[in-house]
C-alpha atoms as a PDB file:
ATOM      1  CA  MET A   1       0.000   0.000   0.000  1.00  0.00           C
ATOM      2  CA  LYS A   2       1.388   3.404  -1.020  1.00  0.00           C
ATOM      3  CA  LYS A   3       2.237   5.618   1.924  1.00  0.00           C
ATOM      4  CA  PRO A   4       0.297   8.930   1.871  1.00  0.00           C
ATOM      5  CA  GLN A   5       2.408  11.994   1.258  1.00  0.00           C
ATOM      6  CA  SER A   6       2.989  14.340   4.192  1.00  0.00           C
ATOM      7  CA  LEU A   7       1.519  17.830   4.203  1.00  0.00           C
ATOM      8  CA  HIS A   8       5.055  19.209   4.282  1.00  0.00           C
ATOM      9  CA  TYR A   9       5.913  17.329   1.093  1.00  0.00           C
ATOM     10  CA  VAL A  10       2.767  18.566  -0.678  1.00  0.00           C
ATOM     11  CA  ILE A  11       3.462  22.179   0.283  1.00  0.00           C
ATOM     12  CA  ALA A  12       7.096  21.890  -0.835  1.00  0.00           C
ATOM     13  CA  ALA A  13       6.037  20.391  -4.166  1.00  0.00           C
ATOM     14  CA  ALA A  14       3.480  23.154  -4.699  1.00  0.00           C
ATOM     15  CA  CYS A  15       6.053  25.835  -3.923  1.00  0.00           C
ATOM     16  CA  ALA A  16       8.490  24.248  -6.346  1.00  0.00           C
ATOM     17  CA  LEU A  17       5.812  24.176  -9.033  1.00  0.00           C
ATOM     18  CA  VAL A  18       5.001  27.864  -8.491  1.00  0.00           C
ATOM     19  CA  THR A  19       8.711  28.754  -8.587  1.00  0.00           C
ATOM     20  CA  THR A  20       9.185  26.812 -11.811  1.00  0.00           C
ATOM     21  CA  PHE A  21       6.153  28.493 -13.385  1.00  0.00           C
ATOM     22  CA  ALA A  22       7.385  31.953 -12.353  1.00  0.00           C
ATOM     23  CA  ALA A  23      10.865  31.238 -13.691  1.00  0.00           C
ATOM     24  CA  THR A  24       9.444  30.029 -16.996  1.00  0.00           C
ATOM     25  CA  ALA A  25       7.225  33.112 -17.275  1.00  0.00           C
ATOM     26  CA  ALA A  26      10.208  35.345 -16.567  1.00  0.00           C
ATOM     27  CA  GLU A  27      12.300  33.579 -19.211  1.00  0.00           C
ATOM     28  CA  GLN A  28       9.574  34.167 -21.789  1.00  0.00           C
ATOM     29  CA  TYR A  29       9.013  37.767 -20.658  1.00  0.00           C
ATOM     30  CA  PRO A  30       7.884  39.773 -22.442  1.00  0.00           C
ATOM     31  CA  SER A  31       5.799  37.846 -24.929  1.00  0.00           C
ATOM     32  CA  ARG A  32       3.508  40.784 -25.774  1.00  0.00           C
ATOM     33  CA  PRO A  33       3.484  44.610 -25.606  1.00  0.00           C
ATOM     34  CA  ALA A  34       3.459  46.301 -22.211  1.00  0.00           C
ATOM     35  CA  ARG A  35       2.268  49.711 -21.067  1.00  0.00           C
ATOM     36  CA  LEU A  36       4.116  52.326 -19.084  1.00  0.00           C
ATOM     37  CA  ILE A  37       1.633  54.450 -17.130  1.00  0.00           C
ATOM     38  CA  VAL A  38       2.601  58.095 -16.630  1.00  0.00           C
ATOM     39  CA  PRO A  39       0.247  59.800 -14.134  1.00  0.00           C
ATOM     40  CA  PHE A  40       0.731  63.209 -15.766  1.00  0.00           C
ATOM     41  CA  ALA A  41      -0.131  64.916 -19.033  1.00  0.00           C
ATOM     42  CA  PRO A  42       2.172  64.616 -22.066  1.00  0.00           C
ATOM     43  CA  GLY A  43       5.036  67.080 -22.409  1.00  0.00           C
ATOM     44  CA  GLY A  44       6.273  67.341 -18.849  1.00  0.00           C
ATOM     45  CA  PRO A  45       9.631  66.040 -17.591  1.00  0.00           C
ATOM     46  CA  THR A  46       8.210  62.748 -16.274  1.00  0.00           C
ATOM     47  CA  ASP A  47       6.514  62.084 -19.610  1.00  0.00           C
ATOM     48  CA  THR A  48       9.691  62.976 -21.514  1.00  0.00           C
ATOM     49  CA  ILE A  49      11.826  60.616 -19.437  1.00  0.00           C
ATOM     50  CA  ALA A  50       9.170  57.907 -19.750  1.00  0.00           C
ATOM     51  CA  ARG A  51       9.302  58.087 -23.534  1.00  0.00           C
ATOM     52  CA  VAL A  52      13.094  57.902 -23.601  1.00  0.00           C
ATOM     53  CA  VAL A  53      13.043  54.868 -21.298  1.00  0.00           C
ATOM     54  CA  ALA A  54      10.151  53.234 -23.163  1.00  0.00           C
ATOM     55  CA  GLN A  55      12.033  53.437 -26.458  1.00  0.00           C
ATOM     56  CA  GLN A  56      15.115  51.872 -24.900  1.00  0.00           C
ATOM     57  CA  LEU A  57      13.109  49.108 -23.212  1.00  0.00           C
ATOM     58  CA  THR A  58      11.317  48.361 -26.484  1.00  0.00           C
ATOM     59  CA  GLU A  59      14.635  47.805 -28.214  1.00  0.00           C
ATOM     60  CA  ARG A  60      16.047  45.677 -25.397  1.00  0.00           C
ATOM     61  CA  LEU A  61      13.003  43.570 -24.579  1.00  0.00           C
ATOM     62  CA  GLY A  62      11.841  43.042 -28.142  1.00  0.00           C
ATOM     63  CA  GLN A  63       8.271  44.132 -27.411  1.00  0.00           C
ATOM     64  CA  GLN A  64       6.614  47.529 -27.685  1.00  0.00           C
ATOM     65  CA  ILE A  65       6.442  49.527 -24.436  1.00  0.00           C
ATOM     66  CA  VAL A  66       3.559  51.951 -24.890  1.00  0.00           C
ATOM     67  CA  VAL A  67       3.390  55.153 -22.825  1.00  0.00           C
ATOM     68  CA  ASP A  68      -0.086  55.581 -21.323  1.00  0.00           C
ATOM     69  CA  ASN A  69      -0.721  59.079 -19.894  1.00  0.00           C
ATOM     70  CA  ARG A  70      -3.342  59.041 -17.127  1.00  0.00           C
ATOM     71  CA  ALA A  71      -3.258  62.508 -15.583  1.00  0.00           C
ATOM     72  CA  GLY A  72      -5.385  63.890 -12.786  1.00  0.00           C
ATOM     73  CA  ALA A  73      -5.757  64.292  -9.005  1.00  0.00           C
ATOM     74  CA  GLY A  74      -2.096  65.045  -8.416  1.00  0.00           C
ATOM     75  CA  GLY A  75      -1.052  61.798 -10.065  1.00  0.00           C
ATOM     76  CA  ASN A  76      -3.473  59.654  -8.042  1.00  0.00           C
ATOM     77  CA  ILE A  77      -5.535  58.516 -11.033  1.00  0.00           C
ATOM     78  CA  GLY A  78      -2.603  56.958 -12.863  1.00  0.00           C
ATOM     79  CA  MET A  79      -0.978  55.579  -9.723  1.00  0.00           C
ATOM     80  CA  GLY A  80      -4.258  54.038  -8.598  1.00  0.00           C
ATOM     81  CA  LEU A  81      -4.712  52.452 -12.013  1.00  0.00           C
ATOM     82  CA  ALA A  82      -1.275  50.845 -11.811  1.00  0.00           C
ATOM     83  CA  ALA A  83      -1.913  49.679  -8.248  1.00  0.00           C
ATOM     84  CA  ARG A  84      -4.997  47.743  -9.400  1.00  0.00           C
ATOM     85  CA  ALA A  85      -3.260  46.152 -12.397  1.00  0.00           C
ATOM     86  CA  THR A  86      -2.102  42.548 -12.526  1.00  0.00           C
ATOM     87  CA  GLY A  87       1.460  41.994 -11.358  1.00  0.00           C
ATOM     88  CA  ASP A  88       2.736  40.271 -14.459  1.00  0.00           C
ATOM     89  CA  GLY A  89       5.303  42.722 -15.793  1.00  0.00           C
ATOM     90  CA  TYR A  90       3.022  44.126 -18.473  1.00  0.00           C
ATOM     91  CA  THR A  91       2.103  47.246 -16.504  1.00  0.00           C
ATOM     92  CA  LEU A  92       4.887  49.628 -15.503  1.00  0.00           C
ATOM     93  CA  LEU A  93       4.557  52.963 -13.710  1.00  0.00           C
ATOM     94  CA  LEU A  94       6.804  56.015 -13.765  1.00  0.00           C
ATOM     95  CA  VAL A  95       6.124  58.387 -10.893  1.00  0.00           C
ATOM     96  CA  SER A  96       7.283  61.754  -9.679  1.00  0.00           C
ATOM     97  CA  SER A  97       7.535  62.852  -6.045  1.00  0.00           C
ATOM     98  CA  SER A  98       3.758  62.956  -5.677  1.00  0.00           C
ATOM     99  CA  PHE A  99       4.059  59.219  -5.002  1.00  0.00           C
ATOM    100  CA  VAL A 100       5.774  59.907  -1.650  1.00  0.00           C
ATOM    101  CA  VAL A 101       3.900  63.127  -0.840  1.00  0.00           C
ATOM    102  CA  ASN A 102       0.296  62.128  -1.563  1.00  0.00           C
ATOM    103  CA  PRO A 103       0.008  59.504   1.215  1.00  0.00           C
ATOM    104  CA  SER A 104       0.122  62.372   3.731  1.00  0.00           C
ATOM    105  CA  LEU A 105      -1.734  64.883   1.567  1.00  0.00           C
ATOM    106  CA  TYR A 106      -4.881  62.968   0.628  1.00  0.00           C
ATOM    107  CA  LYS A 107      -7.322  61.215   2.944  1.00  0.00           C
ATOM    108  CA  ASP A 108      -8.587  58.774   0.330  1.00  0.00           C
ATOM    109  CA  LEU A 109      -5.650  57.423  -1.643  1.00  0.00           C
ATOM    110  CA  PRO A 110      -6.250  54.845  -4.414  1.00  0.00           C
ATOM    111  CA  TYR A 111      -2.985  53.056  -3.669  1.00  0.00           C
ATOM    112  CA  ASP A 112      -0.926  51.837  -0.739  1.00  0.00           C
ATOM    113  CA  PRO A 113       2.685  52.862  -1.462  1.00  0.00           C
ATOM    114  CA  TYR A 114       4.014  49.856   0.453  1.00  0.00           C
ATOM    115  CA  LYS A 115       1.585  47.057  -0.435  1.00  0.00           C
ATOM    116  CA  ASP A 116       0.243  47.794  -3.917  1.00  0.00           C
ATOM    117  CA  LEU A 117       3.390  48.659  -5.867  1.00  0.00           C
ATOM    118  CA  MET A 118       6.930  47.254  -6.013  1.00  0.00           C
ATOM    119  CA  PRO A 119       9.915  49.614  -6.459  1.00  0.00           C
ATOM    120  CA  ILE A 120      12.262  49.012  -9.375  1.00  0.00           C
ATOM    121  CA  SER A 121      14.489  52.085  -9.503  1.00  0.00           C
ATOM    122  CA  ASN A 122      14.673  55.809  -8.922  1.00  0.00           C
ATOM    123  CA  LEU A 123      16.034  56.637 -12.352  1.00  0.00           C
ATOM    124  CA  ALA A 124      16.855  60.311 -11.913  1.00  0.00           C
ATOM    125  CA  ALA A 125      16.191  63.304  -9.709  1.00  0.00           C
ATOM    126  CA  SER A 126      16.187  67.070  -9.860  1.00  0.00           C
ATOM    127  CA  PRO A 127      16.427  69.573  -6.999  1.00  0.00           C
ATOM    128  CA  ASN A 128      14.320  72.630  -6.472  1.00  0.00           C
ATOM    129  CA  VAL A 129      15.705  76.152  -6.605  1.00  0.00           C
ATOM    130  CA  PHE A 130      14.808  79.322  -4.706  1.00  0.00           C
ATOM    131  CA  THR A 131      14.769  82.395  -6.939  1.00  0.00           C
ATOM    132  CA  VAL A 132      13.977  86.110  -6.886  1.00  0.00           C
ATOM    133  CA  HIS A 133      13.564  88.734  -9.576  1.00  0.00           C
ATOM    134  CA  PRO A 134      16.935  90.302 -10.520  1.00  0.00           C
ATOM    135  CA  SER A 135      15.700  93.689  -9.311  1.00  0.00           C
ATOM    136  CA  SER A 136      15.345  92.312  -5.772  1.00  0.00           C
ATOM    137  CA  THR A 137      17.836  93.343  -3.108  1.00  0.00           C
ATOM    138  CA  VAL A 138      17.819  89.764  -1.781  1.00  0.00           C
ATOM    139  CA  LYS A 139      20.942  87.901  -2.900  1.00  0.00           C
ATOM    140  CA  SER A 140      21.116  84.905  -0.560  1.00  0.00           C
ATOM    141  CA  ILE A 141      18.924  82.591   1.498  1.00  0.00           C
ATOM    142  CA  SER A 142      20.028  84.356   4.668  1.00  0.00           C
ATOM    143  CA  GLU A 143      18.902  87.673   3.201  1.00  0.00           C
ATOM    144  CA  LEU A 144      15.654  86.018   2.135  1.00  0.00           C
ATOM    145  CA  VAL A 145      14.981  84.886   5.694  1.00  0.00           C
ATOM    146  CA  ALA A 146      15.878  88.354   6.973  1.00  0.00           C
ATOM    147  CA  TYR A 147      13.434  89.855   4.464  1.00  0.00           C
ATOM    148  CA  ALA A 148      10.696  87.508   5.646  1.00  0.00           C
ATOM    149  CA  LYS A 149      11.312  88.445   9.280  1.00  0.00           C
ATOM    150  CA  ALA A 150      11.333  92.177   8.503  1.00  0.00           C
ATOM    151  CA  ASN A 151       8.242  92.005   6.299  1.00  0.00           C
ATOM    152  CA  PRO A 152       5.640  89.740   7.938  1.00  0.00           C
ATOM    153  CA  GLY A 153       3.019  88.546   5.485  1.00  0.00           C
ATOM    154  CA  LYS A 154       4.967  89.678   2.419  1.00  0.00           C
ATOM    155  CA  ALA A 155       7.302  86.729   1.814  1.00  0.00           C
ATOM    156  CA  ASN A 156       5.090  85.167  -0.834  1.00  0.00           C
ATOM    157  CA  VAL A 157       6.622  82.207  -2.673  1.00  0.00           C
ATOM    158  CA  ALA A 158       5.340  81.082  -6.076  1.00  0.00           C
ATOM    159  CA  THR A 159       5.214  77.257  -6.254  1.00  0.00           C
ATOM    160  CA  PRO A 160       3.906  74.762  -8.848  1.00  0.00           C
ATOM    161  CA  GLY A 161       1.017  73.605  -6.649  1.00  0.00           C
ATOM    162  CA  ILE A 162      -0.053  72.474  -3.203  1.00  0.00           C
ATOM    163  CA  GLY A 163       1.967  69.500  -2.001  1.00  0.00           C
ATOM    164  CA  THR A 164       4.580  69.556  -4.754  1.00  0.00           C
ATOM    165  CA  THR A 165       8.144  69.260  -3.472  1.00  0.00           C
ATOM    166  CA  PRO A 166       8.888  72.938  -4.308  1.00  0.00           C
ATOM    167  CA  ASP A 167       5.767  73.934  -2.361  1.00  0.00           C
ATOM    168  CA  LEU A 168       6.852  71.805   0.592  1.00  0.00           C
ATOM    169  CA  SER A 169      10.432  73.097   0.318  1.00  0.00           C
ATOM    170  CA  ALA A 170       9.179  76.649   0.830  1.00  0.00           C
ATOM    171  CA  ARG A 171       7.116  75.563   3.826  1.00  0.00           C
ATOM    172  CA  LEU A 172      10.035  73.569   5.257  1.00  0.00           C
ATOM    173  CA  LEU A 173      12.309  76.617   5.075  1.00  0.00           C
ATOM    174  CA  GLY A 174       9.667  78.649   6.876  1.00  0.00           C
ATOM    175  CA  LEU A 175       9.376  76.036   9.626  1.00  0.00           C
ATOM    176  CA  THR A 176      13.150  75.716   9.988  1.00  0.00           C
ATOM    177  CA  ALA A 177      13.882  79.466  10.005  1.00  0.00           C
ATOM    178  CA  LYS A 178      10.744  80.222  12.015  1.00  0.00           C
ATOM    179  CA  VAL A 179       9.517  82.782   9.507  1.00  0.00           C
ATOM    180  CA  ASP A 180       6.253  83.186   7.654  1.00  0.00           C
ATOM    181  CA  MET A 181       6.924  81.905   4.129  1.00  0.00           C
ATOM    182  CA  ILE A 182       3.574  82.119   2.352  1.00  0.00           C
ATOM    183  CA  ALA A 183       3.328  79.529  -0.403  1.00  0.00           C
ATOM    184  CA  VAL A 184       1.334  80.758  -3.400  1.00  0.00           C
ATOM    185  CA  PRO A 185       0.484  77.603  -5.394  1.00  0.00           C
ATOM    186  CA  TYR A 186       0.036  77.897  -9.162  1.00  0.00           C
ATOM    187  CA  GLY A 187      -1.221  75.340 -11.634  1.00  0.00           C
ATOM    188  CA  GLY A 188       2.194  74.010 -12.578  1.00  0.00           C
ATOM    189  CA  ALA A 189       5.824  75.048 -12.823  1.00  0.00           C
ATOM    190  CA  GLY A 190       5.326  77.201 -15.926  1.00  0.00           C
ATOM    191  CA  PRO A 191       2.887  79.672 -14.341  1.00  0.00           C
ATOM    192  CA  ALA A 192       4.897  79.768 -11.098  1.00  0.00           C
ATOM    193  CA  VAL A 193       8.114  80.612 -12.937  1.00  0.00           C
ATOM    194  CA  ALA A 194       6.294  83.195 -15.059  1.00  0.00           C
ATOM    195  CA  ALA A 195       4.917  84.875 -11.932  1.00  0.00           C
ATOM    196  CA  THR A 196       8.426  85.233 -10.505  1.00  0.00           C
ATOM    197  CA  VAL A 197       9.932  86.372 -13.816  1.00  0.00           C
ATOM    198  CA  GLY A 198       7.157  88.954 -14.081  1.00  0.00           C
ATOM    199  CA  ASN A 199       7.857  90.099 -10.491  1.00  0.00           C
ATOM    200  CA  GLN A 200       4.232  89.418  -9.581  1.00  0.00           C
ATOM    201  CA  VAL A 201       5.451  87.323  -6.640  1.00  0.00           C
ATOM    202  CA  PRO A 202       8.723  88.293  -4.903  1.00  0.00           C
ATOM    203  CA  ILE A 203      10.082  84.767  -4.426  1.00  0.00           C
ATOM    204  CA  GLY A 204       9.937  81.537  -6.392  1.00  0.00           C
ATOM    205  CA  CYS A 205      10.567  77.930  -5.468  1.00  0.00           C
ATOM    206  CA  THR A 206      10.316  75.617  -8.438  1.00  0.00           C
ATOM    207  CA  ALA A 207      11.937  72.527  -9.885  1.00  0.00           C
ATOM    208  CA  LEU A 208      15.232  73.115 -11.639  1.00  0.00           C
ATOM    209  CA  PRO A 209      14.363  72.008 -15.223  1.00  0.00           C
ATOM    210  CA  PRO A 210      11.821  74.731 -16.115  1.00  0.00           C
ATOM    211  CA  THR A 211      13.669  77.414 -14.141  1.00  0.00           C
ATOM    212  CA  THR A 212      17.272  77.013 -15.312  1.00  0.00           C
ATOM    213  CA  PRO A 213      16.848  78.790 -18.711  1.00  0.00           C
ATOM    214  CA  HIS A 214      15.503  81.897 -16.968  1.00  0.00           C
ATOM    215  CA  ILE A 215      18.366  81.877 -14.456  1.00  0.00           C
ATOM    216  CA  GLN A 216      20.963  81.485 -17.209  1.00  0.00           C
ATOM    217  CA  ALA A 217      19.329  84.292 -19.211  1.00  0.00           C
ATOM    218  CA  GLY A 218      19.390  86.647 -16.207  1.00  0.00           C
ATOM    219  CA  ARG A 219      15.609  86.830 -15.868  1.00  0.00           C
ATOM    220  CA  LEU A 220      15.821  85.282 -12.390  1.00  0.00           C
ATOM    221  CA  ARG A 221      18.436  85.259  -9.638  1.00  0.00           C
ATOM    222  CA  ALA A 222      19.063  81.852  -8.081  1.00  0.00           C
ATOM    223  CA  LEU A 223      19.655  81.833  -4.322  1.00  0.00           C
ATOM    224  CA  ALA A 224      20.172  78.132  -3.564  1.00  0.00           C
ATOM    225  CA  VAL A 225      19.337  74.629  -4.744  1.00  0.00           C
ATOM    226  CA  THR A 226      17.803  71.968  -2.496  1.00  0.00           C
ATOM    227  CA  SER A 227      20.139  69.131  -3.510  1.00  0.00           C
ATOM    228  CA  ALA A 228      22.914  67.634  -1.398  1.00  0.00           C
ATOM    229  CA  LYS A 229      25.448  68.696  -4.031  1.00  0.00           C
ATOM    230  CA  ARG A 230      25.582  71.643  -6.409  1.00  0.00           C
ATOM    231  CA  SER A 231      23.848  71.205  -9.729  1.00  0.00           C
ATOM    232  CA  GLN A 232      25.965  70.797 -12.852  1.00  0.00           C
ATOM    233  CA  ALA A 233      23.485  73.075 -14.595  1.00  0.00           C
ATOM    234  CA  LEU A 234      24.083  75.847 -12.032  1.00  0.00           C
ATOM    235  CA  PRO A 235      27.549  75.241 -10.550  1.00  0.00           C
ATOM    236  CA  ASP A 236      27.798  78.743  -9.059  1.00  0.00           C
ATOM    237  CA  VAL A 237      24.580  78.382  -7.038  1.00  0.00           C
ATOM    238  CA  PRO A 238      25.113  77.080  -3.475  1.00  0.00           C
ATOM    239  CA  THR A 239      23.161  74.283  -1.846  1.00  0.00           C
ATOM    240  CA  MET A 240      20.844  75.090   1.040  1.00  0.00           C
ATOM    241  CA  ALA A 241      23.381  73.534   3.428  1.00  0.00           C
ATOM    242  CA  GLU A 242      26.146  75.710   2.003  1.00  0.00           C
ATOM    243  CA  ALA A 243      23.832  78.678   2.438  1.00  0.00           C
ATOM    244  CA  GLY A 244      23.573  77.880   6.150  1.00  0.00           C
ATOM    245  CA  PHE A 245      20.342  75.880   6.247  1.00  0.00           C
ATOM    246  CA  LYS A 246      20.824  72.157   6.768  1.00  0.00           C
ATOM    247  CA  ASN A 247      18.332  69.308   6.274  1.00  0.00           C
ATOM    248  CA  GLN A 248      16.517  71.132   3.474  1.00  0.00           C
ATOM    249  CA  GLU A 249      17.234  68.539   0.793  1.00  0.00           C
ATOM    250  CA  ALA A 250      14.322  68.034  -1.563  1.00  0.00           C
ATOM    251  CA  GLU A 251      14.324  66.539  -5.014  1.00  0.00           C
ATOM    252  CA  THR A 252      11.804  65.569  -7.639  1.00  0.00           C
ATOM    253  CA  LEU A 253      12.320  61.867  -8.189  1.00  0.00           C
ATOM    254  CA  GLN A 254      11.573  59.887 -11.350  1.00  0.00           C
ATOM    255  CA  GLY A 255      10.852  56.367 -10.128  1.00  0.00           C
ATOM    256  CA  MET A 256       9.794  53.152 -11.826  1.00  0.00           C
ATOM    257  CA  LEU A 257       7.463  50.719 -10.072  1.00  0.00           C
ATOM    258  CA  VAL A 258       5.349  47.695 -10.968  1.00  0.00           C
ATOM    259  CA  PRO A 259       2.162  46.253  -9.418  1.00  0.00           C
ATOM    260  CA  ALA A 260       2.536  44.000  -6.397  1.00  0.00           C
ATOM    261  CA  GLY A 261       2.913  40.333  -7.208  1.00  0.00           C
ATOM    262  CA  THR A 262       5.215  40.848 -10.164  1.00  0.00           C
ATOM    263  CA  PRO A 263       7.637  37.866 -10.186  1.00  0.00           C
ATOM    264  CA  LYS A 264      11.055  38.604  -8.714  1.00  0.00           C
ATOM    265  CA  ALA A 265      12.756  37.380 -11.886  1.00  0.00           C
ATOM    266  CA  ILE A 266      10.901  40.039 -13.905  1.00  0.00           C
ATOM    267  CA  VAL A 267      11.676  42.722 -11.314  1.00  0.00           C
ATOM    268  CA  ASP A 268      15.349  41.759 -11.487  1.00  0.00           C
ATOM    269  CA  ARG A 269      15.283  41.807 -15.293  1.00  0.00           C
ATOM    270  CA  LEU A 270      13.700  45.257 -15.397  1.00  0.00           C
ATOM    271  CA  SER A 271      16.113  46.554 -12.761  1.00  0.00           C
ATOM    272  CA  LYS A 272      19.101  45.314 -14.759  1.00  0.00           C
ATOM    273  CA  GLU A 273      17.809  46.809 -18.007  1.00  0.00           C
ATOM    274  CA  LEU A 274      16.980  50.175 -16.445  1.00  0.00           C
ATOM    275  CA  VAL A 275      20.395  50.544 -14.819  1.00  0.00           C
ATOM    276  CA  SER A 276      21.966  49.759 -18.195  1.00  0.00           C
ATOM    277  CA  ILE A 277      19.661  52.204 -20.003  1.00  0.00           C
ATOM    278  CA  MET A 278      20.570  55.050 -17.658  1.00  0.00           C
ATOM    279  CA  ARG A 279      24.234  54.511 -18.563  1.00  0.00           C
ATOM    280  CA  VAL A 280      23.641  55.066 -22.288  1.00  0.00           C
ATOM    281  CA  PRO A 281      25.322  58.392 -23.225  1.00  0.00           C
ATOM    282  CA  ALA A 282      22.376  59.597 -25.349  1.00  0.00           C
ATOM    283  CA  VAL A 283      19.964  58.873 -22.487  1.00  0.00           C
ATOM    284  CA  GLN A 284      22.196  60.626 -19.985  1.00  0.00           C
ATOM    285  CA  THR A 285      22.423  63.673 -22.236  1.00  0.00           C
ATOM    286  CA  LYS A 286      18.657  63.825 -22.684  1.00  0.00           C
ATOM    287  CA  VAL A 287      17.976  63.434 -18.962  1.00  0.00           C
ATOM    288  CA  THR A 288      20.621  65.933 -17.836  1.00  0.00           C
ATOM    289  CA  ASP A 289      19.431  68.445 -20.445  1.00  0.00           C
ATOM    290  CA  LEU A 290      16.081  68.320 -18.657  1.00  0.00           C
ATOM    291  CA  GLY A 291      17.834  69.373 -15.444  1.00  0.00           C
ATOM    292  CA  PHE A 292      17.975  65.946 -13.807  1.00  0.00           C
ATOM    293  CA  TYR A 293      20.931  63.865 -12.747  1.00  0.00           C
ATOM    294  CA  ILE A 294      21.192  60.096 -13.032  1.00  0.00           C
ATOM    295  CA  ILE A 295      20.602  57.864 -10.014  1.00  0.00           C
ATOM    296  CA  ALA A 296      19.509  54.396 -11.276  1.00  0.00           C
ATOM    297  CA  SER A 297      19.092  52.939  -7.786  1.00  0.00           C
ATOM    298  CA  SER A 298      18.395  49.300  -6.958  1.00  0.00           C
ATOM    299  CA  PRO A 299      14.925  48.068  -5.860  1.00  0.00           C
ATOM    300  CA  ALA A 300      16.134  47.900  -2.240  1.00  0.00           C
ATOM    301  CA  GLU A 301      17.606  51.410  -2.365  1.00  0.00           C
ATOM    302  CA  PHE A 302      14.455  52.833  -3.912  1.00  0.00           C
ATOM    303  CA  ARG A 303      12.281  51.063  -1.328  1.00  0.00           C
ATOM    304  CA  ALA A 304      14.311  52.642   1.485  1.00  0.00           C
ATOM    305  CA  GLN A 305      14.062  56.069  -0.164  1.00  0.00           C
ATOM    306  CA  ILE A 306      10.290  55.791  -0.481  1.00  0.00           C
ATOM    307  CA  LYS A 307       9.940  54.941   3.212  1.00  0.00           C
ATOM    308  CA  ALA A 308      12.213  57.816   4.278  1.00  0.00           C
ATOM    309  CA  GLU A 309      10.565  60.428   2.058  1.00  0.00           C
ATOM    310  CA  ILE A 310       6.996  59.494   3.011  1.00  0.00           C
ATOM    311  CA  ALA A 311       7.971  60.014   6.664  1.00  0.00           C
ATOM    312  CA  LYS A 312       9.840  63.262   5.954  1.00  0.00           C
ATOM    313  CA  TRP A 313       7.158  64.953   3.883  1.00  0.00           C
ATOM    314  CA  GLY A 314       4.422  63.643   6.156  1.00  0.00           C
ATOM    315  CA  GLU A 315       5.987  65.547   9.033  1.00  0.00           C
ATOM    316  CA  VAL A 316       6.318  68.734   6.951  1.00  0.00           C
ATOM    317  CA  ILE A 317       2.711  68.491   5.759  1.00  0.00           C
ATOM    318  CA  LYS A 318       1.478  67.946   9.309  1.00  0.00           C
ATOM    319  CA  SER A 319       3.595  70.738  10.820  1.00  0.00           C
ATOM    320  CA  ALA A 320       2.701  73.237   8.087  1.00  0.00           C
ATOM    321  CA  GLY A 321      -0.973  72.296   8.095  1.00  0.00           C
ATOM    322  CA  VAL A 322      -1.000  71.669   4.339  1.00  0.00           C
ATOM    323  CA  LYS A 323      -4.375  70.579   3.000  1.00  0.00           C
ATOM    324  CA  VAL A 324      -5.878  69.924  -0.427  1.00  0.00           C
ATOM    325  CA  ASN A 325      -9.435  70.913  -1.250  1.00  0.00           C
END
């Protein structure tokens, strides 16, 4: 009489079968086109980077990677769509910093940043920059803080929108320096930069890419960048730490994620390809021309960054009382 198999043996056999199936699927991946969701409208920096990466992935994977723009609700619509997708490697997501800010900004979020999506890599990042009109007497961050203290209620700062990293950078400086920095959110970086260039608002805090041309042309004066190191695009502009204000680092990330449940072999394959892509000279030129610098972190590094930034910006949002309507 055949001896019945133990439960342990059955479970082990099942696990082996699942592992074999996953490995086979990964070896055959991709066998059809995939989509890369961008939670913003076409034309912005995240969309531009997505299209560069999608073209490179298409060539390397042998299947078309189609960019799918799903803008709205501060990126929540597209990120929620990706979070509900099947974890099979055929849905990718490229996010900006709203991914780590929105969990503290919105009450009803259509995704759990820890459970619903798996980090692949933070491909690139760009700091924010504090600016003033060239006619301003303010020439440094210290003088900006002094201005804010001497002129209560007048230190208005044009930002791209409530909860964006430039918006939170302005609020963080106010909290740190104990001055009233009044964030004036606009509907994007373009209008915020234009308001500062036009001297309609005395101070600007915006991402580097759309602001750099105006600084280089003399239409704006840069006071400091929020990166840990000086920007190659603006080597003469000090960091916030160099300007005397530590722990003000803030960058706009460009991160790739996939839905939860995506096989590890596929995650590893995508991670390897993305790191390689970000080393291609033409890609590096395109990305740096946008005002970003290359990071190409590992899944583990990106996961740690997400955890740290959600905690950091959550504290700023709470302390500054930031709310969305």
